[in-house]
Amino acid sequence: MLSYYTFFTKYSGTTPEDVVQAIYADAKAGMGMSLDEWGAYQSKLWDNKYGQRIPQKDAPDAAKKLLAILVKLGALETSMKDL
């Protein structure tokens, strides 16, 4: 099981895609965006602010790469001990 944390919640799943889907579901509740809109928002946000290119959702290992970028930038943590 993969688990990622923010200061206020935990996202988990058996695959990186499951984790990204959980993050999206949480964001959708607050932002009301479709998955494609949310993906475009993530790409623009992280590229404009940090110069990090988010892979297209259908690119190989896109979810795994997105999670790695979010951890690198401090948007997610990989364990509670890091908090």
N, C-alpha and C. Protein backbone atom coordinates (compact mmCIF):
# COMPACT_ATOMS: atom_id res chain seq x y z
N MET A 1 0.84 -1.18 0.00
CA MET A 1 0.00 0.00 0.00
C MET A 1 0.89 1.25 0.00
N LEU A 2 0.61 2.16 -0.89
CA LEU A 2 1.32 3.43 -0.95
C LEU A 2 0.56 4.46 -0.13
N SER A 3 1.27 5.27 0.62
CA SER A 3 0.63 6.31 1.43
C SER A 3 1.42 7.60 1.31
N TYR A 4 0.69 8.68 1.13
CA TYR A 4 1.26 10.02 1.05
C TYR A 4 0.44 10.91 1.97
N TYR A 5 1.09 11.93 2.52
CA TYR A 5 0.46 12.76 3.54
C TYR A 5 0.62 14.24 3.22
N THR A 6 -0.38 15.00 3.64
CA THR A 6 -0.26 16.45 3.73
C THR A 6 -0.41 16.76 5.21
N PHE A 7 -0.47 18.02 5.56
CA PHE A 7 -0.63 18.37 6.96
C PHE A 7 -2.00 17.97 7.51
N PHE A 8 -2.95 17.75 6.63
CA PHE A 8 -4.31 17.51 7.11
C PHE A 8 -4.96 16.23 6.62
N THR A 9 -4.31 15.47 5.76
CA THR A 9 -4.95 14.24 5.28
C THR A 9 -3.92 13.23 4.77
N LYS A 10 -4.41 12.04 4.54
CA LYS A 10 -3.60 10.93 4.02
C LYS A 10 -4.24 10.47 2.72
N TYR A 11 -3.41 10.22 1.73
CA TYR A 11 -3.87 9.65 0.47
C TYR A 11 -3.16 8.32 0.30
N SER A 12 -3.92 7.28 -0.03
CA SER A 12 -3.28 5.98 -0.20
C SER A 12 -3.96 5.18 -1.30
N GLY A 13 -3.26 4.14 -1.73
CA GLY A 13 -3.77 3.23 -2.74
C GLY A 13 -2.74 2.18 -3.04
N THR A 14 -3.13 1.21 -3.83
CA THR A 14 -2.20 0.14 -4.16
C THR A 14 -1.27 0.52 -5.31
N THR A 15 -1.67 1.48 -6.11
CA THR A 15 -0.83 1.92 -7.23
C THR A 15 -0.71 3.45 -7.18
N PRO A 16 0.28 4.00 -7.87
CA PRO A 16 0.37 5.47 -7.96
C PRO A 16 -0.90 6.08 -8.54
N GLU A 17 -1.50 5.39 -9.50
CA GLU A 17 -2.74 5.88 -10.10
C GLU A 17 -3.86 5.98 -9.07
N ASP A 18 -3.94 5.01 -8.16
CA ASP A 18 -4.95 5.05 -7.09
C ASP A 18 -4.74 6.26 -6.18
N VAL A 19 -3.49 6.55 -5.88
CA VAL A 19 -3.17 7.68 -5.00
C VAL A 19 -3.53 8.99 -5.69
N VAL A 20 -3.16 9.13 -6.95
CA VAL A 20 -3.49 10.35 -7.69
C VAL A 20 -5.00 10.50 -7.79
N GLN A 21 -5.71 9.42 -8.00
CA GLN A 21 -7.18 9.47 -8.06
C GLN A 21 -7.74 9.95 -6.72
N ALA A 22 -7.17 9.51 -5.61
CA ALA A 22 -7.62 9.95 -4.29
C ALA A 22 -7.35 11.44 -4.08
N ILE A 23 -6.21 11.90 -4.54
CA ILE A 23 -5.89 13.33 -4.45
C ILE A 23 -6.88 14.12 -5.30
N TYR A 24 -7.14 13.64 -6.51
CA TYR A 24 -8.10 14.32 -7.39
C TYR A 24 -9.48 14.36 -6.76
N ALA A 25 -9.93 13.25 -6.20
CA ALA A 25 -11.27 13.20 -5.58
C ALA A 25 -11.39 14.25 -4.47
N ASP A 26 -10.34 14.40 -3.69
CA ASP A 26 -10.33 15.40 -2.63
C ASP A 26 -10.38 16.81 -3.23
N ALA A 27 -9.59 17.05 -4.25
CA ALA A 27 -9.57 18.36 -4.90
C ALA A 27 -10.90 18.67 -5.57
N LYS A 28 -11.50 17.65 -6.17
CA LYS A 28 -12.79 17.84 -6.86
C LYS A 28 -13.85 18.33 -5.88
N ALA A 29 -13.83 17.79 -4.68
CA ALA A 29 -14.81 18.19 -3.67
C ALA A 29 -14.68 19.68 -3.36
N GLY A 30 -13.47 20.20 -3.38
CA GLY A 30 -13.26 21.60 -3.07
C GLY A 30 -13.27 22.53 -4.28
N MET A 31 -12.87 22.00 -5.43
CA MET A 31 -12.70 22.85 -6.60
C MET A 31 -13.74 22.61 -7.69
N GLY A 32 -14.36 21.43 -7.70
CA GLY A 32 -15.37 21.13 -8.70
C GLY A 32 -14.86 20.94 -10.11
N MET A 33 -13.58 20.66 -10.27
CA MET A 33 -12.99 20.49 -11.60
C MET A 33 -13.12 19.06 -12.09
N SER A 34 -13.20 18.91 -13.41
CA SER A 34 -13.12 17.57 -14.00
C SER A 34 -11.68 17.09 -13.87
N LEU A 35 -11.45 15.81 -14.12
CA LEU A 35 -10.10 15.26 -14.04
C LEU A 35 -9.17 15.97 -15.04
N ASP A 36 -9.65 16.22 -16.25
CA ASP A 36 -8.83 16.90 -17.24
C ASP A 36 -8.52 18.34 -16.82
N GLU A 37 -9.52 19.05 -16.28
CA GLU A 37 -9.29 20.41 -15.80
C GLU A 37 -8.29 20.43 -14.65
N TRP A 38 -8.44 19.48 -13.74
CA TRP A 38 -7.53 19.39 -12.61
C TRP A 38 -6.10 19.10 -13.07
N GLY A 39 -5.96 18.20 -14.03
CA GLY A 39 -4.64 17.88 -14.58
C GLY A 39 -3.99 19.10 -15.22
N ALA A 40 -4.78 19.87 -15.97
CA ALA A 40 -4.27 21.09 -16.61
C ALA A 40 -3.88 22.11 -15.54
N TYR A 41 -4.69 22.22 -14.50
CA TYR A 41 -4.38 23.13 -13.40
C TYR A 41 -3.07 22.73 -12.72
N GLN A 42 -2.90 21.44 -12.44
CA GLN A 42 -1.66 20.96 -11.82
C GLN A 42 -0.45 21.29 -12.70
N SER A 43 -0.58 21.04 -13.99
CA SER A 43 0.52 21.32 -14.91
C SER A 43 0.90 22.80 -14.88
N LYS A 44 -0.10 23.65 -14.97
CA LYS A 44 0.16 25.09 -14.97
C LYS A 44 0.74 25.56 -13.64
N LEU A 45 0.15 25.10 -12.55
CA LEU A 45 0.60 25.50 -11.21
C LEU A 45 2.07 25.16 -10.97
N TRP A 46 2.43 23.90 -11.13
CA TRP A 46 3.79 23.46 -10.80
C TRP A 46 4.81 23.93 -11.82
N ASP A 47 4.41 24.10 -13.08
CA ASP A 47 5.33 24.61 -14.09
C ASP A 47 5.59 26.10 -13.86
N ASN A 48 4.53 26.88 -13.67
CA ASN A 48 4.69 28.33 -13.48
C ASN A 48 5.45 28.66 -12.21
N LYS A 49 5.15 27.97 -11.13
CA LYS A 49 5.74 28.31 -9.84
C LYS A 49 7.15 27.73 -9.66
N TYR A 50 7.36 26.49 -10.14
CA TYR A 50 8.62 25.79 -9.86
C TYR A 50 9.35 25.26 -11.09
N GLY A 51 8.80 25.47 -12.28
CA GLY A 51 9.43 24.97 -13.49
C GLY A 51 9.41 23.46 -13.60
N GLN A 52 8.46 22.83 -12.95
CA GLN A 52 8.34 21.36 -12.99
C GLN A 52 7.28 20.96 -14.01
N ARG A 53 7.67 20.17 -14.97
CA ARG A 53 6.76 19.71 -16.02
C ARG A 53 6.02 18.47 -15.55
N ILE A 54 4.72 18.58 -15.45
CA ILE A 54 3.87 17.46 -15.06
C ILE A 54 3.57 16.65 -16.32
N PRO A 55 3.77 15.33 -16.29
CA PRO A 55 3.49 14.53 -17.49
C PRO A 55 1.99 14.46 -17.79
N GLN A 56 1.68 14.32 -19.07
CA GLN A 56 0.29 14.10 -19.47
C GLN A 56 -0.22 12.84 -18.79
N LYS A 57 -1.50 12.79 -18.44
CA LYS A 57 -2.03 11.68 -17.66
C LYS A 57 -1.91 10.33 -18.36
N ASP A 58 -1.81 10.31 -19.68
CA ASP A 58 -1.68 9.04 -20.39
C ASP A 58 -0.23 8.69 -20.73
N ALA A 59 0.72 9.50 -20.28
CA ALA A 59 2.15 9.20 -20.49
C ALA A 59 2.56 8.03 -19.60
N PRO A 60 3.56 7.26 -20.02
CA PRO A 60 4.03 6.16 -19.18
C PRO A 60 4.47 6.65 -17.80
N ASP A 61 4.01 5.98 -16.76
CA ASP A 61 4.35 6.31 -15.37
C ASP A 61 3.98 7.73 -14.96
N ALA A 62 2.94 8.30 -15.58
CA ALA A 62 2.55 9.68 -15.29
C ALA A 62 2.20 9.88 -13.81
N ALA A 63 1.43 8.97 -13.23
CA ALA A 63 1.03 9.12 -11.82
C ALA A 63 2.25 9.02 -10.90
N LYS A 64 3.11 8.08 -11.18
CA LYS A 64 4.32 7.91 -10.37
C LYS A 64 5.20 9.15 -10.44
N LYS A 65 5.34 9.73 -11.63
CA LYS A 65 6.15 10.93 -11.82
C LYS A 65 5.51 12.13 -11.12
N LEU A 66 4.18 12.25 -11.20
CA LEU A 66 3.48 13.34 -10.52
C LEU A 66 3.71 13.26 -9.01
N LEU A 67 3.56 12.07 -8.44
CA LEU A 67 3.78 11.91 -7.00
C LEU A 67 5.22 12.26 -6.63
N ALA A 68 6.17 11.86 -7.43
CA ALA A 68 7.58 12.18 -7.15
C ALA A 68 7.81 13.69 -7.17
N ILE A 69 7.19 14.38 -8.10
CA ILE A 69 7.32 15.84 -8.17
C ILE A 69 6.68 16.48 -6.94
N LEU A 70 5.50 16.01 -6.55
CA LEU A 70 4.82 16.59 -5.39
C LEU A 70 5.61 16.36 -4.11
N VAL A 71 6.27 15.22 -4.00
CA VAL A 71 7.13 14.96 -2.83
C VAL A 71 8.36 15.87 -2.89
N LYS A 72 8.99 15.96 -4.05
CA LYS A 72 10.18 16.80 -4.22
C LYS A 72 9.90 18.25 -3.84
N LEU A 73 8.71 18.75 -4.21
CA LEU A 73 8.36 20.14 -3.95
C LEU A 73 7.78 20.37 -2.56
N GLY A 74 7.56 19.28 -1.81
CA GLY A 74 7.05 19.41 -0.45
C GLY A 74 5.54 19.49 -0.34
N ALA A 75 4.83 19.25 -1.45
CA ALA A 75 3.37 19.26 -1.41
C ALA A 75 2.82 17.99 -0.75
N LEU A 76 3.61 16.92 -0.80
CA LEU A 76 3.27 15.64 -0.16
C LEU A 76 4.47 15.15 0.61
N GLU A 77 4.21 14.38 1.65
CA GLU A 77 5.25 13.69 2.39
C GLU A 77 4.99 12.18 2.25
N THR A 78 6.04 11.39 2.39
CA THR A 78 5.89 9.95 2.23
C THR A 78 5.65 9.21 3.53
N SER A 79 5.85 9.89 4.66
CA SER A 79 5.56 9.24 5.92
C SER A 79 5.23 10.28 6.99
N MET A 80 4.51 9.87 7.99
CA MET A 80 4.12 10.77 9.06
C MET A 80 5.33 11.22 9.88
N LYS A 81 6.36 10.42 9.93
CA LYS A 81 7.54 10.80 10.72
C LYS A 81 8.21 12.04 10.14
N ASP A 82 7.98 12.32 8.82
CA ASP A 82 8.55 13.49 8.20
C ASP A 82 7.85 14.78 8.65
N LEU A 83 6.68 14.66 9.21
CA LEU A 83 5.90 15.86 9.56
C LEU A 83 6.25 16.40 10.93
